[in-house]
């Protein structure tokens, strides 16, 4: 459903290790954001919810709710740290689905 790059896996593990409360993974949700299209939200999560897809990759769990799953399918989640961009970036094969996340974890 979604692929995480090594940089994304390392970033998620780092944030999880510093979380003030116990968490087990990353939750990704998608919101329709008016004229901007799609907004991806990323945050820490302690457990799955009913209807979630649970993807485990590189020792990281990713939780995706049923409404967000069609927008996530085929995506790659990366984490970039360069002078222009910093944070999680979604790469989706459909150009209409390509967006940076609106909210990041941490």
C-alpha atoms as a PDB file:
ATOM      1  CA  UNK A   1       0.000   0.000   0.000  1.00  0.00           C
ATOM      2  CA  UNK A   2       2.782   2.450   0.948  1.00  0.00           C
ATOM      3  CA  UNK A   3       6.549   2.232   0.873  1.00  0.00           C
ATOM      4  CA  UNK A   4       8.779   4.036   3.366  1.00  0.00           C
ATOM      5  CA  UNK A   5      12.287   5.039   2.369  1.00  0.00           C
ATOM      6  CA  UNK A   6      15.180   4.322   4.710  1.00  0.00           C
ATOM      7  CA  UNK A   7      15.200   8.032   5.640  1.00  0.00           C
ATOM      8  CA  UNK A   8      11.495   7.913   6.527  1.00  0.00           C
ATOM      9  CA  UNK A   9      11.944   4.756   8.602  1.00  0.00           C
ATOM     10  CA  UNK A  10      14.849   6.332  10.498  1.00  0.00           C
ATOM     11  CA  UNK A  11      12.869   9.551  11.092  1.00  0.00           C
ATOM     12  CA  UNK A  12       9.817   7.666  12.394  1.00  0.00           C
ATOM     13  CA  UNK A  13      11.954   5.526  14.694  1.00  0.00           C
ATOM     14  CA  UNK A  14      13.667   8.645  16.018  1.00  0.00           C
ATOM     15  CA  UNK A  15      10.381  10.411  16.750  1.00  0.00           C
ATOM     16  CA  UNK A  16       8.898   7.283  18.357  1.00  0.00           C
ATOM     17  CA  UNK A  17      11.939   6.914  20.620  1.00  0.00           C
ATOM     18  CA  UNK A  18      11.489  10.493  21.863  1.00  0.00           C
ATOM     19  CA  UNK A  19       7.711  10.384  22.326  1.00  0.00           C
ATOM     20  CA  UNK A  20       6.584  11.354  25.837  1.00  0.00           C
ATOM     21  CA  UNK A  21       3.952   8.581  25.812  1.00  0.00           C
ATOM     22  CA  UNK A  22       4.250   5.025  24.490  1.00  0.00           C
ATOM     23  CA  UNK A  23       3.453   4.793  20.775  1.00  0.00           C
ATOM     24  CA  UNK A  24       3.758   1.904  18.368  1.00  0.00           C
ATOM     25  CA  UNK A  25       3.698   3.557  14.972  1.00  0.00           C
ATOM     26  CA  UNK A  26       2.736   6.265  12.564  1.00  0.00           C
ATOM     27  CA  UNK A  27      -0.789   7.225  11.534  1.00  0.00           C
ATOM     28  CA  UNK A  28      -1.371   8.651   8.060  1.00  0.00           C
ATOM     29  CA  UNK A  29      -4.665  10.286   7.200  1.00  0.00           C
ATOM     30  CA  UNK A  30      -5.782  12.133   4.105  1.00  0.00           C
ATOM     31  CA  UNK A  31      -8.078  15.149   4.023  1.00  0.00           C
ATOM     32  CA  UNK A  32      -9.639  16.799   1.009  1.00  0.00           C
ATOM     33  CA  UNK A  33      -8.337  20.359   1.253  1.00  0.00           C
ATOM     34  CA  UNK A  34     -10.493  22.526  -0.995  1.00  0.00           C
ATOM     35  CA  UNK A  35      -8.688  23.975  -3.994  1.00  0.00           C
ATOM     36  CA  UNK A  36      -5.335  22.687  -2.720  1.00  0.00           C
ATOM     37  CA  UNK A  37      -6.462  19.089  -3.297  1.00  0.00           C
ATOM     38  CA  UNK A  38      -5.258  16.515  -0.844  1.00  0.00           C
ATOM     39  CA  UNK A  39      -3.561  17.108   2.495  1.00  0.00           C
ATOM     40  CA  UNK A  40      -1.643  14.284   4.149  1.00  0.00           C
ATOM     41  CA  UNK A  41      -1.469  14.275   7.938  1.00  0.00           C
ATOM     42  CA  UNK A  42       1.176  12.298   9.785  1.00  0.00           C
ATOM     43  CA  UNK A  43       1.238  11.661  13.518  1.00  0.00           C
ATOM     44  CA  UNK A  44       2.189   9.165  16.161  1.00  0.00           C
ATOM     45  CA  UNK A  45      -0.274   6.473  17.166  1.00  0.00           C
ATOM     46  CA  UNK A  46      -0.390   3.914  19.957  1.00  0.00           C
ATOM     47  CA  UNK A  47      -2.756   1.386  18.383  1.00  0.00           C
ATOM     48  CA  UNK A  48      -4.770   0.524  15.298  1.00  0.00           C
ATOM     49  CA  UNK A  49      -8.432   1.410  14.949  1.00  0.00           C
ATOM     50  CA  UNK A  50     -11.305  -0.478  13.354  1.00  0.00           C
ATOM     51  CA  UNK A  51     -10.957  -0.435   9.564  1.00  0.00           C
ATOM     52  CA  UNK A  52      -7.264   0.468   9.609  1.00  0.00           C
ATOM     53  CA  UNK A  53      -4.753  -1.071   7.283  1.00  0.00           C
ATOM     54  CA  UNK A  54      -1.614  -1.833   9.290  1.00  0.00           C
ATOM     55  CA  UNK A  55       1.585  -1.891   7.281  1.00  0.00           C
ATOM     56  CA  UNK A  56       4.822  -3.001   8.916  1.00  0.00           C
ATOM     57  CA  UNK A  57       8.051  -2.035   7.195  1.00  0.00           C
ATOM     58  CA  UNK A  58      11.575  -1.716   8.497  1.00  0.00           C
ATOM     59  CA  UNK A  59      10.402  -2.225  12.072  1.00  0.00           C
ATOM     60  CA  UNK A  60       7.838   0.592  11.783  1.00  0.00           C
ATOM     61  CA  UNK A  61       4.048   0.202  11.872  1.00  0.00           C
ATOM     62  CA  UNK A  62       1.951   2.500   9.703  1.00  0.00           C
ATOM     63  CA  UNK A  63      -1.789   2.849  10.372  1.00  0.00           C
ATOM     64  CA  UNK A  64      -4.051   4.066   7.555  1.00  0.00           C
ATOM     65  CA  UNK A  65      -7.814   4.515   7.995  1.00  0.00           C
ATOM     66  CA  UNK A  66     -10.214   3.091   5.399  1.00  0.00           C
ATOM     67  CA  UNK A  67     -11.082   6.486   3.855  1.00  0.00           C
ATOM     68  CA  UNK A  68      -7.407   7.353   3.347  1.00  0.00           C
ATOM     69  CA  UNK A  69      -6.310   4.004   1.927  1.00  0.00           C
ATOM     70  CA  UNK A  70      -7.224   4.748  -1.730  1.00  0.00           C
ATOM     71  CA  UNK A  71      -5.175   7.965  -1.630  1.00  0.00           C
ATOM     72  CA  UNK A  72      -2.170   6.252  -0.031  1.00  0.00           C
ATOM     73  CA  UNK A  73      -2.071   3.176  -2.294  1.00  0.00           C
ATOM     74  CA  UNK A  74       1.081   3.144  -4.395  1.00  0.00           C
ATOM     75  CA  UNK A  75       2.720   6.003  -2.480  1.00  0.00           C
ATOM     76  CA  UNK A  76       6.223   6.330  -1.146  1.00  0.00           C
ATOM     77  CA  UNK A  77       6.853   8.235   2.073  1.00  0.00           C
ATOM     78  CA  UNK A  78      10.239   9.920   2.274  1.00  0.00           C
ATOM     79  CA  UNK A  79      11.862  12.209   4.820  1.00  0.00           C
ATOM     80  CA  UNK A  80      13.971  15.062   3.492  1.00  0.00           C
ATOM     81  CA  UNK A  81      16.346  17.428   5.222  1.00  0.00           C
ATOM     82  CA  UNK A  82      17.698  19.930   2.770  1.00  0.00           C
ATOM     83  CA  UNK A  83      17.784  23.745   2.703  1.00  0.00           C
ATOM     84  CA  UNK A  84      14.543  23.897   0.697  1.00  0.00           C
ATOM     85  CA  UNK A  85      12.461  21.192   2.379  1.00  0.00           C
ATOM     86  CA  UNK A  86      12.341  19.501   5.761  1.00  0.00           C
ATOM     87  CA  UNK A  87       9.906  16.776   6.740  1.00  0.00           C
ATOM     88  CA  UNK A  88       7.849  13.953   5.345  1.00  0.00           C
ATOM     89  CA  UNK A  89       7.113  14.038   1.631  1.00  0.00           C
ATOM     90  CA  UNK A  90       4.646  11.804  -0.153  1.00  0.00           C
ATOM     91  CA  UNK A  91       5.415  10.656  -3.682  1.00  0.00           C
ATOM     92  CA  UNK A  92       2.405   9.222  -5.472  1.00  0.00           C
ATOM     93  CA  UNK A  93       2.286   7.907  -9.043  1.00  0.00           C
ATOM     94  CA  UNK A  94      -0.853  10.002  -9.685  1.00  0.00           C
ATOM     95  CA  UNK A  95       0.208  13.684  -9.965  1.00  0.00           C
ATOM     96  CA  UNK A  96      -3.066  14.806  -8.358  1.00  0.00           C
ATOM     97  CA  UNK A  97      -2.147  12.858  -5.241  1.00  0.00           C
ATOM     98  CA  UNK A  98       1.358  14.382  -4.835  1.00  0.00           C
ATOM     99  CA  UNK A  99       1.401  16.662  -1.829  1.00  0.00           C
ATOM    100  CA  UNK A 100       3.625  17.396   1.135  1.00  0.00           C
ATOM    101  CA  UNK A 101       2.073  16.571   4.462  1.00  0.00           C
ATOM    102  CA  UNK A 102       0.141  19.344   6.129  1.00  0.00           C
ATOM    103  CA  UNK A 103       1.054  18.312   9.659  1.00  0.00           C
ATOM    104  CA  UNK A 104       4.057  16.348  10.796  1.00  0.00           C
ATOM    105  CA  UNK A 105       4.674  14.314  13.872  1.00  0.00           C
ATOM    106  CA  UNK A 106       6.654  15.501  16.802  1.00  0.00           C
END
